[in-house]
Amino acid sequence: QLQLVESGGGLVQPGGSLRLSCAASGFTLGYRAIGWFRQAPGKEREGVACSNRAGSTYYEHSVKGRVTISRDNAKNTVYLQMNTLKPEDTAVYYCAAAKSNSCERDTWAYDYWGQGTQVTVSS
């Protein structure tokens, strides 16, 4: 059974940091592009970052410089390090495995999704 499980969300003050994890089972993350998305209440799901198997990374402009996506293929896990968090970063964060090795912004390009982890940035 193919599964993605996110963890690491929580409540953090503005300016703080969190590291989200996305652990895969049933398939090898290293063969696919892996994306992180987020969805705030009342808003559409948007891409945050993506990493393909060659190690190329892509970031949404509002998080560039504050967020880093990385892989540990030995642990079959992808991480999202988020620093200098802002209240507007508050959302449910999802990881997703792309249908191919291509990082795409559109959710249709991803066929396996985790259940999401809540990130709340508030003082």
Protein backbone atom coordinates (compact mmCIF):
# COMPACT_ATOMS: atom_id res chain seq x y z
CA GLN A 1 0.00 0.00 0.00
CA LEU A 2 1.45 3.33 -1.07
CA GLN A 3 1.29 5.90 1.67
CA LEU A 4 2.70 9.29 2.61
CA VAL A 5 2.62 10.48 6.21
CA GLU A 6 3.43 14.04 7.22
CA SER A 7 4.53 15.12 10.67
CA GLY A 8 6.14 18.07 12.39
CA GLY A 9 3.40 20.65 12.26
CA GLY A 10 2.35 22.70 15.23
CA LEU A 11 1.93 26.14 16.73
CA VAL A 12 4.88 28.49 16.40
CA GLN A 13 5.38 32.20 16.99
CA PRO A 14 6.14 34.55 14.11
CA GLY A 15 9.81 34.35 13.25
CA GLY A 16 10.04 30.77 14.46
CA SER A 17 10.96 27.58 12.62
CA LEU A 18 9.48 24.17 11.94
CA ARG A 19 10.67 21.12 10.09
CA LEU A 20 8.02 19.03 8.41
CA SER A 21 8.66 15.41 7.48
CA CYS A 22 7.05 13.29 4.80
CA ALA A 23 7.69 9.57 5.18
CA ALA A 24 6.80 7.22 2.34
CA SER A 25 5.90 3.56 2.47
CA GLY A 26 5.08 1.19 -0.34
CA PHE A 27 7.23 2.98 -2.90
CA THR A 28 10.60 4.67 -3.23
CA LEU A 29 10.48 8.45 -2.99
CA GLY A 30 13.72 8.72 -4.88
CA TYR A 31 12.09 7.73 -8.17
CA ARG A 32 9.62 10.62 -8.21
CA ALA A 33 9.39 14.33 -7.80
CA ILE A 34 7.97 15.18 -4.37
CA GLY A 35 6.08 18.37 -3.70
CA TRP A 36 4.91 20.21 -0.62
CA PHE A 37 1.62 22.04 -0.86
CA ARG A 38 -0.44 24.04 1.60
CA GLN A 39 -4.05 25.02 1.95
CA ALA A 40 -5.30 27.82 4.14
CA PRO A 41 -8.98 28.11 5.11
CA GLY A 42 -11.03 29.40 2.21
CA LYS A 43 -8.13 29.24 -0.21
CA GLU A 44 -7.03 26.87 -2.92
CA ARG A 45 -4.23 24.41 -2.37
CA GLU A 46 -0.96 25.91 -3.57
CA GLY A 47 2.48 24.55 -4.22
CA VAL A 48 5.21 25.52 -1.78
CA ALA A 49 8.26 23.57 -2.86
CA CYS A 50 9.28 20.62 -4.96
CA SER A 51 12.29 18.38 -5.39
CA ASN A 52 12.91 16.03 -8.28
CA ARG A 53 15.10 12.94 -8.13
CA ALA A 54 18.05 14.78 -9.64
CA GLY A 55 18.00 17.08 -6.65
CA SER A 56 16.68 20.13 -8.44
CA THR A 57 14.45 22.21 -6.20
CA TYR A 58 11.71 24.75 -6.85
CA TYR A 59 10.06 27.21 -4.47
CA GLU A 60 6.98 29.37 -4.50
CA HIS A 61 8.08 33.00 -4.53
CA SER A 62 6.59 33.92 -1.15
CA VAL A 63 8.67 31.27 0.67
CA LYS A 64 11.89 31.51 -1.31
CA GLY A 65 14.81 32.11 1.02
CA ARG A 66 12.85 30.93 4.06
CA VAL A 67 12.08 27.34 3.11
CA THR A 68 14.30 24.41 2.13
CA ILE A 69 13.16 21.08 0.74
CA SER A 70 15.49 18.12 1.15
CA ARG A 71 15.51 14.34 0.79
CA ASP A 72 16.95 11.48 2.79
CA ASN A 73 16.63 8.60 0.37
CA ALA A 74 17.95 6.13 2.93
CA LYS A 75 15.01 7.00 5.19
CA ASN A 76 12.60 7.37 2.26
CA THR A 77 11.69 10.74 3.69
CA VAL A 78 11.41 14.30 2.39
CA TYR A 79 11.69 17.31 4.66
CA LEU A 80 10.53 20.89 4.54
CA GLN A 81 12.56 23.21 6.75
CA MET A 82 10.66 26.44 7.31
CA ASN A 83 12.31 29.45 8.93
CA THR A 84 11.22 32.99 9.70
CA LEU A 85 7.62 31.87 9.68
CA LYS A 86 4.87 34.43 9.17
CA PRO A 87 1.18 34.36 10.10
CA GLU A 88 0.35 34.04 6.41
CA ASP A 89 2.18 30.70 6.38
CA THR A 90 -0.63 29.26 8.51
CA ALA A 91 -2.19 26.35 6.62
CA VAL A 92 -2.46 22.59 6.39
CA TYR A 93 0.68 21.34 4.70
CA TYR A 94 0.62 18.29 2.44
CA CYS A 95 3.31 16.32 0.73
CA ALA A 96 2.58 14.62 -2.57
CA ALA A 97 4.31 12.27 -4.97
CA ALA A 98 4.28 13.34 -8.59
CA LYS A 99 3.17 10.98 -11.34
CA SER A 100 6.56 11.53 -12.94
CA ASN A 101 9.91 13.07 -12.10
CA SER A 102 8.64 16.50 -13.09
CA CYS A 103 7.95 19.24 -10.54
CA GLU A 104 4.61 20.77 -11.47
CA ARG A 105 2.56 23.48 -9.79
CA ASP A 106 -0.76 21.83 -10.55
CA THR A 107 -2.17 19.34 -8.08
CA TRP A 108 -3.35 17.07 -10.92
CA ALA A 109 0.28 16.15 -11.56
CA TYR A 110 0.46 14.39 -8.19
CA ASP A 111 -1.24 11.08 -7.50
CA TYR A 112 -0.37 10.26 -3.90
CA TRP A 113 -1.06 12.63 -1.03
CA GLY A 114 -0.49 12.59 2.67
CA GLN A 115 -3.18 13.44 5.19
CA GLY A 116 -1.71 16.85 5.96
CA THR A 117 -0.19 18.49 9.03
CA GLN A 118 -1.40 21.77 10.53
CA VAL A 119 1.01 24.68 10.79
CA THR A 120 -0.19 27.66 12.78
CA VAL A 121 1.92 30.80 13.09
CA SER A 122 0.58 33.05 15.79
CA SER A 123 1.69 35.00 18.82
